[in-house]
Amino acid sequence: MNLPDAHTHPAPAASGTGLRFVCGTSPADWEQVALLAERDGNVTPFFGIHPWFLDPAAWRRDMRLLEEFLTRFPKAGVGETGLDKCRRGIPGMKMQKDALRRHLDMAARMNRPVALHCCRAWGSLAEMLREYPRLKAILHGWTGALNPASDLPSEDWLLSIGPREMERADIFTSVPLHRLALESDEHPEVLPDLYRIAAQALRMVECRLAGIVKDNLSRISPP
């Protein structure tokens, strides 16, 4: 069975993995992501600057390099980017929001999906996203912190559930099926268990669930 993986990082795929959204987090790993995409037709590459790796002295210059990568890969998405109030020793919210806005502007202008990280900043992220109602996005590491219908209303903003939340049966049923995604987040070995647990919670067979997730990811993929 080909199991789609909505959010992972440059690493070998587990056996049985299908479509993968592979995210870079800084210029240091963008070439690695690019190489995977060139070698594996199942890989959709994403290039972006994660808030953990936001360099105050270099990120504006790095954005020019980001546009070069997106031009080089017309099927690539933007990200991983986002907002993080959890990790110590990284730039504050003002710089994170400035960088995120640059990513969102670029994604909107180039008609690319964006992969988003968020930790304890869901309200701020939702507020920014509402300025881009036509943007396609995947919110990785979904915890159920917001109401999808009222706080994140676009049907093209997918909510991706990963290993950290997979023991919570209620989280799978709280996401509309047409917005559901599942991810390994760099732990490909857990993907089969994630699909098994999600399928049980949703009362469907795993192959049907894999088809739903694949359709959702394909819907937001670059044209």
C-alpha atoms as a PDB file:
ATOM      1  CA  MET A   1       0.000   0.000   0.000  1.00  0.00           C
ATOM      2  CA  ASN A   2       1.331   3.442  -0.939  1.00  0.00           C
ATOM      3  CA  LEU A   3       0.887   5.651   2.125  1.00  0.00           C
ATOM      4  CA  PRO A   4       1.093   9.404   1.459  1.00  0.00           C
ATOM      5  CA  ASP A   5       3.286  11.383   3.847  1.00  0.00           C
ATOM      6  CA  ALA A   6       2.154  14.992   4.149  1.00  0.00           C
ATOM      7  CA  HIS A   7       5.192  16.299   6.014  1.00  0.00           C
ATOM      8  CA  THR A   8       8.662  14.883   6.354  1.00  0.00           C
ATOM      9  CA  HIS A   9      12.281  15.918   5.935  1.00  0.00           C
ATOM     10  CA  PRO A  10      15.213  14.676   3.839  1.00  0.00           C
ATOM     11  CA  ALA A  11      15.551  11.026   4.812  1.00  0.00           C
ATOM     12  CA  PRO A  12      15.010   7.631   3.190  1.00  0.00           C
ATOM     13  CA  ALA A  13      11.348   6.705   2.861  1.00  0.00           C
ATOM     14  CA  ALA A  14       9.961   3.639   4.598  1.00  0.00           C
ATOM     15  CA  SER A  15       8.786   0.747   2.451  1.00  0.00           C
ATOM     16  CA  GLY A  16       5.255   1.330   1.210  1.00  0.00           C
ATOM     17  CA  THR A  17       5.430   5.126   1.269  1.00  0.00           C
ATOM     18  CA  GLY A  18       3.816   6.936  -1.657  1.00  0.00           C
ATOM     19  CA  LEU A  19       3.522  10.659  -2.329  1.00  0.00           C
ATOM     20  CA  ARG A  20       5.750  12.652   0.060  1.00  0.00           C
ATOM     21  CA  PHE A  21       5.957  16.349   0.860  1.00  0.00           C
ATOM     22  CA  VAL A  22       9.638  16.725   1.819  1.00  0.00           C
ATOM     23  CA  CYS A  23      10.405  19.994   3.569  1.00  0.00           C
ATOM     24  CA  GLY A  24      13.649  21.909   3.813  1.00  0.00           C
ATOM     25  CA  THR A  25      14.168  24.097   6.853  1.00  0.00           C
ATOM     26  CA  SER A  26      17.066  26.353   5.833  1.00  0.00           C
ATOM     27  CA  PRO A  27      19.458  26.874   2.907  1.00  0.00           C
ATOM     28  CA  ALA A  28      21.679  24.224   4.519  1.00  0.00           C
ATOM     29  CA  ASP A  29      19.347  21.386   3.467  1.00  0.00           C
ATOM     30  CA  TRP A  30      17.683  22.739   0.331  1.00  0.00           C
ATOM     31  CA  GLU A  31      20.093  20.966  -2.016  1.00  0.00           C
ATOM     32  CA  GLN A  32      19.432  17.689  -0.213  1.00  0.00           C
ATOM     33  CA  VAL A  33      15.700  18.159  -0.714  1.00  0.00           C
ATOM     34  CA  ALA A  34      16.329  19.061  -4.359  1.00  0.00           C
ATOM     35  CA  LEU A  35      18.361  15.902  -4.906  1.00  0.00           C
ATOM     36  CA  LEU A  36      15.603  13.729  -3.448  1.00  0.00           C
ATOM     37  CA  ALA A  37      13.047  15.370  -5.737  1.00  0.00           C
ATOM     38  CA  GLU A  38      15.240  14.794  -8.781  1.00  0.00           C
ATOM     39  CA  ARG A  39      15.675  11.106  -7.925  1.00  0.00           C
ATOM     40  CA  ASP A  40      12.182  10.214  -6.672  1.00  0.00           C
ATOM     41  CA  GLY A  41       9.026  11.051  -8.574  1.00  0.00           C
ATOM     42  CA  ASN A  42       6.958  10.628  -5.407  1.00  0.00           C
ATOM     43  CA  VAL A  43       8.681  13.597  -3.750  1.00  0.00           C
ATOM     44  CA  THR A  44       7.184  17.077  -3.838  1.00  0.00           C
ATOM     45  CA  PRO A  45       9.959  19.369  -2.555  1.00  0.00           C
ATOM     46  CA  PHE A  46       9.350  22.306  -0.245  1.00  0.00           C
ATOM     47  CA  PHE A  47      11.930  25.009   0.412  1.00  0.00           C
ATOM     48  CA  GLY A  48      11.734  27.478   3.271  1.00  0.00           C
ATOM     49  CA  ILE A  49      13.221  28.836   6.479  1.00  0.00           C
ATOM     50  CA  HIS A  50      11.943  27.286   9.699  1.00  0.00           C
ATOM     51  CA  PRO A  51      11.726  29.729  12.643  1.00  0.00           C
ATOM     52  CA  TRP A  52      14.324  27.645  14.521  1.00  0.00           C
ATOM     53  CA  PHE A  53      16.854  28.388  11.788  1.00  0.00           C
ATOM     54  CA  LEU A  54      15.986  32.016  11.124  1.00  0.00           C
ATOM     55  CA  ASP A  55      19.302  33.892  10.947  1.00  0.00           C
ATOM     56  CA  PRO A  56      18.763  37.589  11.781  1.00  0.00           C
ATOM     57  CA  ALA A  57      21.775  38.587   9.684  1.00  0.00           C
ATOM     58  CA  ALA A  58      21.023  36.451   6.628  1.00  0.00           C
ATOM     59  CA  TRP A  59      17.346  35.576   6.234  1.00  0.00           C
ATOM     60  CA  ARG A  60      16.473  38.463   3.902  1.00  0.00           C
ATOM     61  CA  ARG A  61      19.324  37.474   1.602  1.00  0.00           C
ATOM     62  CA  ASP A  62      18.268  33.837   1.886  1.00  0.00           C
ATOM     63  CA  MET A  63      14.808  34.778   0.599  1.00  0.00           C
ATOM     64  CA  ARG A  64      16.370  35.695  -2.738  1.00  0.00           C
ATOM     65  CA  LEU A  65      17.973  32.254  -2.857  1.00  0.00           C
ATOM     66  CA  LEU A  66      14.610  30.727  -1.965  1.00  0.00           C
ATOM     67  CA  GLU A  67      13.006  32.297  -5.018  1.00  0.00           C
ATOM     68  CA  GLU A  68      15.793  30.836  -7.161  1.00  0.00           C
ATOM     69  CA  PHE A  69      15.023  27.346  -5.848  1.00  0.00           C
ATOM     70  CA  LEU A  70      11.303  27.795  -6.458  1.00  0.00           C
ATOM     71  CA  THR A  71      12.004  28.933 -10.002  1.00  0.00           C
ATOM     72  CA  ARG A  72      14.292  25.939 -10.520  1.00  0.00           C
ATOM     73  CA  PHE A  73      11.560  23.585  -9.263  1.00  0.00           C
ATOM     74  CA  PRO A  74       8.173  24.704 -10.649  1.00  0.00           C
ATOM     75  CA  LYS A  75       6.394  21.911  -8.745  1.00  0.00           C
ATOM     76  CA  ALA A  76       7.913  22.872  -5.376  1.00  0.00           C
ATOM     77  CA  GLY A  77       6.117  24.324  -2.384  1.00  0.00           C
ATOM     78  CA  VAL A  78       7.192  26.933   0.165  1.00  0.00           C
ATOM     79  CA  GLY A  79       8.234  25.892   3.649  1.00  0.00           C
ATOM     80  CA  GLU A  80       8.730  24.736   6.219  1.00  0.00           C
ATOM     81  CA  THR A  81       8.080  28.128   7.751  1.00  0.00           C
ATOM     82  CA  GLY A  82       5.871  29.397  10.552  1.00  0.00           C
ATOM     83  CA  LEU A  83       5.721  30.736  14.091  1.00  0.00           C
ATOM     84  CA  ASP A  84       7.174  29.296  17.289  1.00  0.00           C
ATOM     85  CA  LYS A  85       6.767  30.556  20.861  1.00  0.00           C
ATOM     86  CA  CYS A  86       8.079  27.329  22.416  1.00  0.00           C
ATOM     87  CA  ARG A  87      11.759  27.164  21.574  1.00  0.00           C
ATOM     88  CA  ARG A  88      14.224  29.349  23.426  1.00  0.00           C
ATOM     89  CA  GLY A  89      17.107  31.171  21.804  1.00  0.00           C
ATOM     90  CA  ILE A  90      15.454  31.922  18.469  1.00  0.00           C
ATOM     91  CA  PRO A  91      14.352  35.289  17.038  1.00  0.00           C
ATOM     92  CA  GLY A  92      11.230  36.841  18.547  1.00  0.00           C
ATOM     93  CA  MET A  93       7.739  37.116  17.120  1.00  0.00           C
ATOM     94  CA  LYS A  94       8.351  40.321  15.200  1.00  0.00           C
ATOM     95  CA  MET A  95      11.132  38.841  13.083  1.00  0.00           C
ATOM     96  CA  GLN A  96       9.329  35.506  12.766  1.00  0.00           C
ATOM     97  CA  LYS A  97       6.215  37.262  11.487  1.00  0.00           C
ATOM     98  CA  ASP A  98       8.253  39.360   9.047  1.00  0.00           C
ATOM     99  CA  ALA A  99       9.879  36.223   7.660  1.00  0.00           C
ATOM    100  CA  LEU A 100       6.598  34.321   7.535  1.00  0.00           C
ATOM    101  CA  ARG A 101       4.932  37.150   5.641  1.00  0.00           C
ATOM    102  CA  ARG A 102       7.714  37.093   3.062  1.00  0.00           C
ATOM    103  CA  HIS A 103       7.161  33.350   2.620  1.00  0.00           C
ATOM    104  CA  LEU A 104       3.383  33.766   2.324  1.00  0.00           C
ATOM    105  CA  ASP A 105       3.741  36.621  -0.160  1.00  0.00           C
ATOM    106  CA  MET A 106       6.076  34.521  -2.302  1.00  0.00           C
ATOM    107  CA  ALA A 107       3.789  31.486  -2.154  1.00  0.00           C
ATOM    108  CA  ALA A 108       0.772  33.581  -3.155  1.00  0.00           C
ATOM    109  CA  ARG A 109       2.634  35.332  -5.973  1.00  0.00           C
ATOM    110  CA  MET A 110       4.059  32.093  -7.400  1.00  0.00           C
ATOM    111  CA  ASN A 111       0.899  30.033  -6.764  1.00  0.00           C
ATOM    112  CA  ARG A 112       2.639  27.498  -4.524  1.00  0.00           C
ATOM    113  CA  PRO A 113       1.385  25.688  -1.421  1.00  0.00           C
ATOM    114  CA  VAL A 114       3.033  26.476   1.900  1.00  0.00           C
ATOM    115  CA  ALA A 115       3.996  24.062   4.705  1.00  0.00           C
ATOM    116  CA  LEU A 116       3.490  25.651   8.114  1.00  0.00           C
ATOM    117  CA  HIS A 117       4.948  24.989  11.550  1.00  0.00           C
ATOM    118  CA  CYS A 118       3.285  26.398  14.657  1.00  0.00           C
ATOM    119  CA  CYS A 119       3.909  26.097  18.383  1.00  0.00           C
ATOM    120  CA  ARG A 120       1.772  28.072  20.838  1.00  0.00           C
ATOM    121  CA  ALA A 121       1.097  30.725  18.209  1.00  0.00           C
ATOM    122  CA  TRP A 122      -1.979  29.336  16.456  1.00  0.00           C
ATOM    123  CA  GLY A 123      -4.026  32.493  16.918  1.00  0.00           C
ATOM    124  CA  SER A 124      -1.333  34.666  15.349  1.00  0.00           C
ATOM    125  CA  LEU A 125      -0.868  32.203  12.504  1.00  0.00           C
ATOM    126  CA  ALA A 126      -4.594  32.040  11.772  1.00  0.00           C
ATOM    127  CA  GLU A 127      -4.804  35.831  11.767  1.00  0.00           C
ATOM    128  CA  MET A 128      -2.023  36.062   9.193  1.00  0.00           C
ATOM    129  CA  LEU A 129      -3.438  33.271   7.045  1.00  0.00           C
ATOM    130  CA  ARG A 130      -6.798  34.997   6.782  1.00  0.00           C
ATOM    131  CA  GLU A 131      -5.018  37.708   4.768  1.00  0.00           C
ATOM    132  CA  TYR A 132      -4.343  35.047   2.093  1.00  0.00           C
ATOM    133  CA  PRO A 133      -7.741  33.371   1.532  1.00  0.00           C
ATOM    134  CA  ARG A 134      -6.706  31.845  -1.817  1.00  0.00           C
ATOM    135  CA  LEU A 135      -3.457  30.387  -0.544  1.00  0.00           C
ATOM    136  CA  LYS A 136      -3.062  26.617  -0.411  1.00  0.00           C
ATOM    137  CA  ALA A 137      -1.438  25.401   2.795  1.00  0.00           C
ATOM    138  CA  ILE A 138      -0.733  22.431   4.990  1.00  0.00           C
ATOM    139  CA  LEU A 139      -0.605  23.022   8.738  1.00  0.00           C
ATOM    140  CA  HIS A 140       1.809  20.437  10.041  1.00  0.00           C
ATOM    141  CA  GLY A 141       1.664  18.983  13.548  1.00  0.00           C
ATOM    142  CA  TRP A 142      -2.036  19.750  13.947  1.00  0.00           C
ATOM    143  CA  THR A 143      -3.076  19.612  17.596  1.00  0.00           C
ATOM    144  CA  GLY A 144      -6.703  20.695  17.354  1.00  0.00           C
ATOM    145  CA  ALA A 145      -5.867  24.038  18.969  1.00  0.00           C
ATOM    146  CA  LEU A 146      -8.366  25.935  16.808  1.00  0.00           C
ATOM    147  CA  ASN A 147     -11.789  25.342  15.300  1.00  0.00           C
ATOM    148  CA  PRO A 148     -11.159  24.497  11.631  1.00  0.00           C
ATOM    149  CA  ALA A 149     -14.511  25.827  10.443  1.00  0.00           C
ATOM    150  CA  SER A 150     -14.361  29.239  12.121  1.00  0.00           C
ATOM    151  CA  ASP A 151     -10.656  29.922  12.662  1.00  0.00           C
ATOM    152  CA  LEU A 152      -9.170  28.304   9.552  1.00  0.00           C
ATOM    153  CA  PRO A 153     -12.057  28.429   7.079  1.00  0.00           C
ATOM    154  CA  SER A 154     -10.335  27.762   3.735  1.00  0.00           C
ATOM    155  CA  GLU A 155     -10.904  24.261   2.421  1.00  0.00           C
ATOM    156  CA  ASP A 156      -7.431  24.438   0.861  1.00  0.00           C
ATOM    157  CA  TRP A 157      -5.743  24.651   4.287  1.00  0.00           C
ATOM    158  CA  LEU A 158      -5.072  21.022   5.158  1.00  0.00           C
ATOM    159  CA  LEU A 159      -4.607  19.902   8.764  1.00  0.00           C
ATOM    160  CA  SER A 160      -1.866  17.304   9.097  1.00  0.00           C
ATOM    161  CA  ILE A 161      -1.737  14.940  12.072  1.00  0.00           C
ATOM    162  CA  GLY A 162       1.510  13.265  13.061  1.00  0.00           C
ATOM    163  CA  PRO A 163       2.955  10.744  15.519  1.00  0.00           C
ATOM    164  CA  ARG A 164       2.745  13.017  18.563  1.00  0.00           C
ATOM    165  CA  GLU A 165      -1.036  13.153  18.413  1.00  0.00           C
ATOM    166  CA  MET A 166      -1.885   9.743  16.976  1.00  0.00           C
ATOM    167  CA  GLU A 167      -3.086   8.213  20.254  1.00  0.00           C
ATOM    168  CA  ARG A 168      -5.892  10.798  20.421  1.00  0.00           C
ATOM    169  CA  ALA A 169      -8.746   9.181  18.510  1.00  0.00           C
ATOM    170  CA  ASP A 170     -10.803  12.373  18.767  1.00  0.00           C
ATOM    171  CA  ILE A 171      -8.317  14.419  16.775  1.00  0.00           C
ATOM    172  CA  PHE A 172      -8.886  12.374  13.620  1.00  0.00           C
ATOM    173  CA  THR A 173     -12.654  12.720  13.788  1.00  0.00           C
ATOM    174  CA  SER A 174     -12.418  16.476  14.443  1.00  0.00           C
ATOM    175  CA  VAL A 175     -10.925  17.193  11.004  1.00  0.00           C
ATOM    176  CA  PRO A 176     -13.186  17.149   7.926  1.00  0.00           C
ATOM    177  CA  LEU A 177     -12.072  14.326   5.641  1.00  0.00           C
ATOM    178  CA  HIS A 178     -11.478  16.661   2.698  1.00  0.00           C
ATOM    179  CA  ARG A 179      -8.952  18.592   4.829  1.00  0.00           C
ATOM    180  CA  LEU A 180      -7.238  15.661   6.540  1.00  0.00           C
ATOM    181  CA  ALA A 181      -3.569  14.818   6.047  1.00  0.00           C
ATOM    182  CA  LEU A 182      -1.230  12.422   7.865  1.00  0.00           C
ATOM    183  CA  GLU A 183       2.502  12.845   8.338  1.00  0.00           C
ATOM    184  CA  SER A 184       5.568  11.040   9.665  1.00  0.00           C
ATOM    185  CA  ASP A 185       7.500  14.242  10.459  1.00  0.00           C
ATOM    186  CA  GLU A 186      10.875  12.555   9.877  1.00  0.00           C
ATOM    187  CA  HIS A 187       9.820   9.291  11.522  1.00  0.00           C
ATOM    188  CA  PRO A 188       8.821   7.227   8.454  1.00  0.00           C
ATOM    189  CA  GLU A 189       8.797   3.994  10.435  1.00  0.00           C
ATOM    190  CA  VAL A 190       5.635   5.115  12.299  1.00  0.00           C
ATOM    191  CA  LEU A 191       3.597   5.915   9.182  1.00  0.00           C
ATOM    192  CA  PRO A 192       1.907   2.467   8.923  1.00  0.00           C
ATOM    193  CA  ASP A 193       0.845   2.634  12.583  1.00  0.00           C
ATOM    194  CA  LEU A 194      -0.446   6.170  12.103  1.00  0.00           C
ATOM    195  CA  TYR A 195      -2.642   5.095   9.185  1.00  0.00           C
ATOM    196  CA  ARG A 196      -3.854   2.010  11.072  1.00  0.00           C
ATOM    197  CA  ILE A 197      -4.854   4.030  14.148  1.00  0.00           C
ATOM    198  CA  ALA A 198      -6.452   6.804  12.079  1.00  0.00           C
ATOM    199  CA  ALA A 199      -8.412   4.308   9.987  1.00  0.00           C
ATOM    200  CA  GLN A 200      -9.755   2.651  13.140  1.00  0.00           C
ATOM    201  CA  ALA A 201     -10.791   6.007  14.580  1.00  0.00           C
ATOM    202  CA  LEU A 202     -12.516   6.950  11.319  1.00  0.00           C
ATOM    203  CA  ARG A 203     -14.067   3.502  10.867  1.00  0.00           C
ATOM    204  CA  MET A 204     -12.725   2.909   7.394  1.00  0.00           C
ATOM    205  CA  VAL A 205     -10.166   0.644   5.770  1.00  0.00           C
ATOM    206  CA  GLU A 206      -6.624   1.941   5.468  1.00  0.00           C
ATOM    207  CA  CYS A 207      -6.539   1.904   1.667  1.00  0.00           C
ATOM    208  CA  ARG A 208      -9.567   4.217   1.525  1.00  0.00           C
ATOM    209  CA  LEU A 209      -7.933   6.573   4.024  1.00  0.00           C
ATOM    210  CA  ALA A 210      -4.702   6.580   2.011  1.00  0.00           C
ATOM    211  CA  GLY A 211      -6.721   7.483  -1.090  1.00  0.00           C
ATOM    212  CA  ILE A 212      -8.416  10.380   0.701  1.00  0.00           C
ATOM    213  CA  VAL A 213      -5.103  11.792   1.944  1.00  0.00           C
ATOM    214  CA  LYS A 214      -3.530  11.380  -1.498  1.00  0.00           C
ATOM    215  CA  ASP A 215      -6.431  13.245  -3.114  1.00  0.00           C
ATOM    216  CA  ASN A 216      -6.140  16.050  -0.556  1.00  0.00           C
ATOM    217  CA  LEU A 217      -2.398  16.444  -1.087  1.00  0.00           C
ATOM    218  CA  SER A 218      -2.822  16.332  -4.853  1.00  0.00           C
ATOM    219  CA  ARG A 219      -5.479  19.060  -4.644  1.00  0.00           C
ATOM    220  CA  ILE A 220      -3.077  21.552  -3.075  1.00  0.00           C
ATOM    221  CA  SER A 221       0.012  20.481  -5.037  1.00  0.00           C
ATOM    222  CA  PRO A 222       1.472  22.956  -7.537  1.00  0.00           C
ATOM    223  CA  PRO A 223      -0.298  22.768 -10.908  1.00  0.00           C
END
